[in-house]
Amino acid sequence: MRRRRHLSAEERALWEHVIRNDAPITRRSAKPMDAVPPKAPEVPVPAPLMPPPDPIRPFVVGEKADYRRSDDLLPGLAEGMGRAPVRMDAKSFGKMKKGKLHPEARIDLHGMTLDEAHPALLGFILQSQAMGRRLVLVITGKGKLRDELAPMPVRQGVLRHQVPHWLNMTPLRPLILQITPAHISHGGSGAYYVYLKRGR
């Protein structure tokens, strides 16, 4: 049997000091010092709601169309020719509008493509002005009324609309005094009178 060892006076004093100064171990203090409490899960913030779009108003295709206008859905410079200010002699202009002035020369662009008609018109006007002609007739044709079921409106009479633009551009514009739709006897809306300035 092992003999029981007795503490020395110094050992007993040390033991009593430890007992007096040491706090008792409880269940709460028994947790590890480096244990971190779990974070609460983050609740996502909902995005702000977009306002609902305005409802589409019921409509009928063509409800705003002006049926009093002509079938030409894309009017151009040609429609303003008859209202252009008169720059030539007023008496001669009146006769010309009534078809009483006879053109000194004419060019028929009807049936040509734009690429063919433009140089032909350019050469005709330049030559006529150089020859001293005053009134010439440019025939474009009224254009066919095409119904191709296209998604966009199709301009009727491409040359009828394009020729006035060409006549109002350089190098022809400085040579021209007046442009106006022809009288019915000379082709009506399918032709133009071009009154040239005098050659210098």
C-alpha atoms as a PDB file:
ATOM      1  CA  MET A   1       0.000   0.000   0.000  1.00  0.00           C
ATOM      2  CA  ARG A   2       1.282   3.364  -1.032  1.00  0.00           C
ATOM      3  CA  ARG A   3       2.066   5.784   1.804  1.00  0.00           C
ATOM      4  CA  ARG A   4       0.126   9.037   1.731  1.00  0.00           C
ATOM      5  CA  ARG A   5       2.333  12.039   1.102  1.00  0.00           C
ATOM      6  CA  HIS A   6       1.911  15.104   3.290  1.00  0.00           C
ATOM      7  CA  LEU A   7       2.240  18.608   1.806  1.00  0.00           C
ATOM      8  CA  SER A   8       4.903  20.849   3.048  1.00  0.00           C
ATOM      9  CA  ALA A   9       4.010  24.214   4.525  1.00  0.00           C
ATOM     10  CA  GLU A  10       5.034  26.033   1.336  1.00  0.00           C
ATOM     11  CA  GLU A  11       2.981  23.699  -0.896  1.00  0.00           C
ATOM     12  CA  ARG A  12      -0.072  24.096   1.322  1.00  0.00           C
ATOM     13  CA  ALA A  13       0.214  27.900   1.257  1.00  0.00           C
ATOM     14  CA  LEU A  14       0.438  27.865  -2.544  1.00  0.00           C
ATOM     15  CA  TRP A  15      -2.592  25.583  -2.860  1.00  0.00           C
ATOM     16  CA  GLU A  16      -4.717  27.774  -0.597  1.00  0.00           C
ATOM     17  CA  HIS A  17      -3.716  30.861  -2.644  1.00  0.00           C
ATOM     18  CA  VAL A  18      -4.881  29.143  -5.877  1.00  0.00           C
ATOM     19  CA  ILE A  19      -8.199  28.134  -4.354  1.00  0.00           C
ATOM     20  CA  ARG A  20      -8.925  31.636  -3.096  1.00  0.00           C
ATOM     21  CA  ASN A  21      -8.115  33.473  -6.394  1.00  0.00           C
ATOM     22  CA  ASP A  22      -9.430  31.083  -9.012  1.00  0.00           C
ATOM     23  CA  ALA A  23     -13.068  31.484 -10.214  1.00  0.00           C
ATOM     24  CA  PRO A  24     -15.130  28.307 -10.337  1.00  0.00           C
ATOM     25  CA  ILE A  25     -15.540  26.690 -13.753  1.00  0.00           C
ATOM     26  CA  THR A  26     -19.124  26.931 -14.885  1.00  0.00           C
ATOM     27  CA  ARG A  27     -20.880  25.475 -17.930  1.00  0.00           C
ATOM     28  CA  ARG A  28     -20.921  28.923 -19.662  1.00  0.00           C
ATOM     29  CA  SER A  29     -17.240  29.658 -19.074  1.00  0.00           C
ATOM     30  CA  ALA A  30     -16.321  26.209 -20.295  1.00  0.00           C
ATOM     31  CA  LYS A  31     -16.787  27.386 -23.975  1.00  0.00           C
ATOM     32  CA  PRO A  32     -13.640  27.858 -26.014  1.00  0.00           C
ATOM     33  CA  MET A  33     -12.359  31.427 -25.934  1.00  0.00           C
ATOM     34  CA  ASP A  34     -12.002  31.639 -29.728  1.00  0.00           C
ATOM     35  CA  ALA A  35     -15.574  30.477 -30.522  1.00  0.00           C
ATOM     36  CA  VAL A  36     -17.400  33.100 -32.642  1.00  0.00           C
ATOM     37  CA  PRO A  37     -21.216  33.231 -32.519  1.00  0.00           C
ATOM     38  CA  PRO A  38     -22.761  32.517 -35.953  1.00  0.00           C
ATOM     39  CA  LYS A  39     -23.976  35.502 -37.945  1.00  0.00           C
ATOM     40  CA  ALA A  40     -27.639  35.873 -38.670  1.00  0.00           C
ATOM     41  CA  PRO A  41     -28.430  35.218 -42.362  1.00  0.00           C
ATOM     42  CA  GLU A  42     -28.638  38.392 -44.433  1.00  0.00           C
ATOM     43  CA  VAL A  43     -32.092  39.102 -45.785  1.00  0.00           C
ATOM     44  CA  PRO A  44     -31.847  40.472 -49.385  1.00  0.00           C
ATOM     45  CA  VAL A  45     -33.352  43.905 -49.894  1.00  0.00           C
ATOM     46  CA  PRO A  46     -36.021  43.698 -52.612  1.00  0.00           C
ATOM     47  CA  ALA A  47     -35.418  45.884 -55.686  1.00  0.00           C
ATOM     48  CA  PRO A  48     -37.823  48.794 -56.132  1.00  0.00           C
ATOM     49  CA  LEU A  49     -40.745  47.891 -58.338  1.00  0.00           C
ATOM     50  CA  MET A  50     -40.993  49.635 -61.727  1.00  0.00           C
ATOM     51  CA  PRO A  51     -44.275  51.378 -62.383  1.00  0.00           C
ATOM     52  CA  PRO A  52     -46.433  49.448 -64.846  1.00  0.00           C
ATOM     53  CA  PRO A  53     -46.383  50.796 -68.441  1.00  0.00           C
ATOM     54  CA  ASP A  54     -49.263  52.876 -69.668  1.00  0.00           C
ATOM     55  CA  PRO A  55     -51.878  50.763 -71.378  1.00  0.00           C
ATOM     56  CA  ILE A  56     -51.926  50.946 -75.190  1.00  0.00           C
ATOM     57  CA  ARG A  57     -54.913  52.848 -76.450  1.00  0.00           C
ATOM     58  CA  PRO A  58     -57.049  50.880 -78.892  1.00  0.00           C
ATOM     59  CA  PHE A  59     -56.621  52.161 -82.446  1.00  0.00           C
ATOM     60  CA  VAL A  60     -57.689  51.481 -85.989  1.00  0.00           C
ATOM     61  CA  VAL A  61     -55.113  51.417 -88.807  1.00  0.00           C
ATOM     62  CA  GLY A  62     -55.520  54.509 -90.982  1.00  0.00           C
ATOM     63  CA  GLU A  63     -57.783  56.392 -88.575  1.00  0.00           C
ATOM     64  CA  LYS A  64     -55.692  59.570 -88.924  1.00  0.00           C
ATOM     65  CA  ALA A  65     -55.333  59.401 -92.715  1.00  0.00           C
ATOM     66  CA  ASP A  66     -56.624  62.395 -94.654  1.00  0.00           C
ATOM     67  CA  TYR A  67     -58.774  60.818 -97.354  1.00  0.00           C
ATOM     68  CA  ARG A  68     -59.313  64.180 -99.051  1.00  0.00           C
ATOM     69  CA  ARG A  69     -55.730  64.138-100.332  1.00  0.00           C
ATOM     70  CA  SER A  70     -54.644  62.506-103.571  1.00  0.00           C
ATOM     71  CA  ASP A  71     -53.506  58.902-103.718  1.00  0.00           C
ATOM     72  CA  ASP A  72     -49.911  60.099-103.830  1.00  0.00           C
ATOM     73  CA  LEU A  73     -48.802  59.279-100.284  1.00  0.00           C
ATOM     74  CA  LEU A  74     -45.425  60.999-100.577  1.00  0.00           C
ATOM     75  CA  PRO A  75     -45.863  64.430-102.128  1.00  0.00           C
ATOM     76  CA  GLY A  76     -42.714  66.286-102.958  1.00  0.00           C
ATOM     77  CA  LEU A  77     -41.381  69.472-104.495  1.00  0.00           C
ATOM     78  CA  ALA A  78     -43.646  69.058-107.514  1.00  0.00           C
ATOM     79  CA  GLU A  79     -46.751  70.017-105.520  1.00  0.00           C
ATOM     80  CA  GLY A  80     -45.302  73.457-104.687  1.00  0.00           C
ATOM     81  CA  MET A  81     -44.286  74.392-108.227  1.00  0.00           C
ATOM     82  CA  GLY A  82     -47.610  76.020-109.097  1.00  0.00           C
ATOM     83  CA  ARG A  83     -47.378  78.269-106.003  1.00  0.00           C
ATOM     84  CA  ALA A  84     -43.789  79.411-106.568  1.00  0.00           C
ATOM     85  CA  PRO A  85     -43.273  83.171-106.929  1.00  0.00           C
ATOM     86  CA  VAL A  86     -43.303  84.434-110.508  1.00  0.00           C
ATOM     87  CA  ARG A  87     -39.804  85.538-111.574  1.00  0.00           C
ATOM     88  CA  MET A  88     -40.484  85.855-115.274  1.00  0.00           C
ATOM     89  CA  ASP A  89     -42.645  88.364-117.138  1.00  0.00           C
ATOM     90  CA  ALA A  90     -46.158  88.076-115.655  1.00  0.00           C
ATOM     91  CA  LYS A  91     -47.887  88.295-119.046  1.00  0.00           C
ATOM     92  CA  SER A  92     -45.725  85.576-120.539  1.00  0.00           C
ATOM     93  CA  PHE A  93     -46.221  83.476-117.423  1.00  0.00           C
ATOM     94  CA  GLY A  94     -49.999  83.718-117.795  1.00  0.00           C
ATOM     95  CA  LYS A  95     -49.807  82.614-121.435  1.00  0.00           C
ATOM     96  CA  MET A  96     -47.473  79.770-120.515  1.00  0.00           C
ATOM     97  CA  LYS A  97     -49.811  78.473-117.793  1.00  0.00           C
ATOM     98  CA  LYS A  98     -52.701  78.486-120.291  1.00  0.00           C
ATOM     99  CA  GLY A  99     -50.684  76.508-122.811  1.00  0.00           C
ATOM    100  CA  LYS A 100     -50.489  79.431-125.264  1.00  0.00           C
ATOM    101  CA  LEU A 101     -46.683  79.521-125.331  1.00  0.00           C
ATOM    102  CA  HIS A 102     -45.216  76.714-127.372  1.00  0.00           C
ATOM    103  CA  PRO A 103     -42.020  75.041-126.105  1.00  0.00           C
ATOM    104  CA  GLU A 104     -39.019  75.435-128.396  1.00  0.00           C
ATOM    105  CA  ALA A 105     -37.729  71.957-127.508  1.00  0.00           C
ATOM    106  CA  ARG A 106     -38.755  68.989-125.410  1.00  0.00           C
ATOM    107  CA  ILE A 107     -37.203  65.961-123.749  1.00  0.00           C
ATOM    108  CA  ASP A 108     -39.153  62.834-122.855  1.00  0.00           C
ATOM    109  CA  LEU A 109     -37.767  61.084-119.772  1.00  0.00           C
ATOM    110  CA  HIS A 110     -40.732  58.779-119.462  1.00  0.00           C
ATOM    111  CA  GLY A 111     -39.605  55.166-119.092  1.00  0.00           C
ATOM    112  CA  MET A 112     -36.009  56.025-118.150  1.00  0.00           C
ATOM    113  CA  THR A 113     -34.380  54.999-114.889  1.00  0.00           C
ATOM    114  CA  LEU A 114     -33.066  57.678-112.533  1.00  0.00           C
ATOM    115  CA  ASP A 115     -29.504  56.904-113.616  1.00  0.00           C
ATOM    116  CA  GLU A 116     -30.474  57.427-117.263  1.00  0.00           C
ATOM    117  CA  ALA A 117     -32.750  60.428-116.766  1.00  0.00           C
ATOM    118  CA  HIS A 118     -30.424  62.631-114.719  1.00  0.00           C
ATOM    119  CA  PRO A 119     -27.567  63.001-117.263  1.00  0.00           C
ATOM    120  CA  ALA A 120     -30.095  63.259-120.114  1.00  0.00           C
ATOM    121  CA  LEU A 121     -31.873  66.162-118.381  1.00  0.00           C
ATOM    122  CA  LEU A 122     -28.589  67.838-117.480  1.00  0.00           C
ATOM    123  CA  GLY A 123     -27.333  67.757-121.060  1.00  0.00           C
ATOM    124  CA  PHE A 124     -30.677  68.910-122.488  1.00  0.00           C
ATOM    125  CA  ILE A 125     -30.976  71.997-120.242  1.00  0.00           C
ATOM    126  CA  LEU A 126     -27.319  73.005-120.682  1.00  0.00           C
ATOM    127  CA  GLN A 127     -27.559  72.675-124.463  1.00  0.00           C
ATOM    128  CA  SER A 128     -30.902  74.516-124.637  1.00  0.00           C
ATOM    129  CA  GLN A 129     -29.597  77.448-122.624  1.00  0.00           C
ATOM    130  CA  ALA A 130     -26.428  77.606-124.727  1.00  0.00           C
ATOM    131  CA  MET A 131     -28.599  77.691-127.894  1.00  0.00           C
ATOM    132  CA  GLY A 132     -30.635  80.630-126.572  1.00  0.00           C
ATOM    133  CA  ARG A 133     -33.893  78.751-126.054  1.00  0.00           C
ATOM    134  CA  ARG A 134     -36.295  80.223-123.504  1.00  0.00           C
ATOM    135  CA  LEU A 135     -39.128  77.716-123.003  1.00  0.00           C
ATOM    136  CA  VAL A 136     -38.521  73.971-122.984  1.00  0.00           C
ATOM    137  CA  LEU A 137     -40.735  71.079-121.945  1.00  0.00           C
ATOM    138  CA  VAL A 138     -39.555  68.228-119.709  1.00  0.00           C
ATOM    139  CA  ILE A 139     -41.859  65.186-119.870  1.00  0.00           C
ATOM    140  CA  THR A 140     -41.667  62.827-116.889  1.00  0.00           C
ATOM    141  CA  GLY A 141     -44.950  60.923-117.091  1.00  0.00           C
ATOM    142  CA  LYS A 142     -47.370  60.731-114.191  1.00  0.00           C
ATOM    143  CA  GLY A 143     -46.074  57.407-113.001  1.00  0.00           C
ATOM    144  CA  LYS A 144     -47.918  54.159-112.545  1.00  0.00           C
ATOM    145  CA  LEU A 145     -50.127  53.659-109.533  1.00  0.00           C
ATOM    146  CA  ARG A 146     -48.453  50.627-108.048  1.00  0.00           C
ATOM    147  CA  ASP A 147     -50.075  48.365-105.511  1.00  0.00           C
ATOM    148  CA  GLU A 148     -47.302  46.037-104.422  1.00  0.00           C
ATOM    149  CA  LEU A 149     -48.585  45.432-100.888  1.00  0.00           C
ATOM    150  CA  ALA A 150     -45.390  47.032 -99.639  1.00  0.00           C
ATOM    151  CA  PRO A 151     -45.061  47.688 -95.887  1.00  0.00           C
ATOM    152  CA  MET A 152     -44.257  51.344 -96.636  1.00  0.00           C
ATOM    153  CA  PRO A 153     -45.991  53.756 -99.018  1.00  0.00           C
ATOM    154  CA  VAL A 154     -44.547  53.696-102.528  1.00  0.00           C
ATOM    155  CA  ARG A 155     -44.111  57.039-104.247  1.00  0.00           C
ATOM    156  CA  GLN A 156     -46.115  57.319-107.454  1.00  0.00           C
ATOM    157  CA  GLY A 157     -44.100  58.758-110.344  1.00  0.00           C
ATOM    158  CA  VAL A 158     -40.478  58.735-109.188  1.00  0.00           C
ATOM    159  CA  LEU A 159     -39.288  60.916-112.078  1.00  0.00           C
ATOM    160  CA  ARG A 160     -42.182  63.346-111.598  1.00  0.00           C
ATOM    161  CA  HIS A 161     -40.921  63.991-108.079  1.00  0.00           C
ATOM    162  CA  GLN A 162     -37.204  63.826-108.772  1.00  0.00           C
ATOM    163  CA  VAL A 163     -36.955  66.144-111.804  1.00  0.00           C
ATOM    164  CA  PRO A 164     -37.919  69.324-109.865  1.00  0.00           C
ATOM    165  CA  HIS A 165     -35.152  68.561-107.364  1.00  0.00           C
ATOM    166  CA  TRP A 166     -32.598  68.183-110.144  1.00  0.00           C
ATOM    167  CA  LEU A 167     -33.743  71.429-111.754  1.00  0.00           C
ATOM    168  CA  ASN A 168     -33.320  73.257-108.434  1.00  0.00           C
ATOM    169  CA  MET A 169     -29.752  72.053-107.941  1.00  0.00           C
ATOM    170  CA  THR A 170     -26.498  73.244-109.452  1.00  0.00           C
ATOM    171  CA  PRO A 171     -25.489  73.451-112.227  1.00  0.00           C
ATOM    172  CA  LEU A 172     -29.047  73.905-113.594  1.00  0.00           C
ATOM    173  CA  ARG A 173     -30.618  76.246-111.025  1.00  0.00           C
ATOM    174  CA  PRO A 174     -28.624  79.371-112.082  1.00  0.00           C
ATOM    175  CA  LEU A 175     -29.824  78.889-115.686  1.00  0.00           C
ATOM    176  CA  ILE A 176     -33.556  78.672-114.886  1.00  0.00           C
ATOM    177  CA  LEU A 177     -36.008  81.498-114.356  1.00  0.00           C
ATOM    178  CA  GLN A 178     -39.229  79.543-113.778  1.00  0.00           C
ATOM    179  CA  ILE A 179     -40.419  75.946-113.354  1.00  0.00           C
ATOM    180  CA  THR A 180     -44.114  75.084-113.376  1.00  0.00           C
ATOM    181  CA  PRO A 181     -46.336  72.103-114.224  1.00  0.00           C
ATOM    182  CA  ALA A 182     -47.332  72.043-117.882  1.00  0.00           C
ATOM    183  CA  HIS A 183     -50.784  72.787-119.282  1.00  0.00           C
ATOM    184  CA  ILE A 184     -52.951  69.764-120.000  1.00  0.00           C
ATOM    185  CA  SER A 185     -52.311  70.245-123.708  1.00  0.00           C
ATOM    186  CA  HIS A 186     -48.587  69.682-123.088  1.00  0.00           C
ATOM    187  CA  GLY A 187     -48.863  66.786-120.636  1.00  0.00           C
ATOM    188  CA  GLY A 188     -50.394  68.328-117.507  1.00  0.00           C
ATOM    189  CA  SER A 189     -48.974  67.001-114.237  1.00  0.00           C
ATOM    190  CA  GLY A 190     -46.759  64.586-116.182  1.00  0.00           C
ATOM    191  CA  ALA A 191     -44.603  67.377-117.625  1.00  0.00           C
ATOM    192  CA  TYR A 192     -42.918  70.668-116.627  1.00  0.00           C
ATOM    193  CA  TYR A 193     -42.361  73.963-118.365  1.00  0.00           C
ATOM    194  CA  VAL A 194     -38.807  75.157-117.795  1.00  0.00           C
ATOM    195  CA  TYR A 195     -38.327  78.841-118.660  1.00  0.00           C
ATOM    196  CA  LEU A 196     -34.634  79.566-119.100  1.00  0.00           C
ATOM    197  CA  LYS A 197     -32.681  82.756-118.532  1.00  0.00           C
ATOM    198  CA  ARG A 198     -31.136  84.509-121.497  1.00  0.00           C
ATOM    199  CA  GLY A 199     -27.639  83.393-122.332  1.00  0.00           C
ATOM    200  CA  ARG A 200     -24.869  85.868-121.598  1.00  0.00           C
END
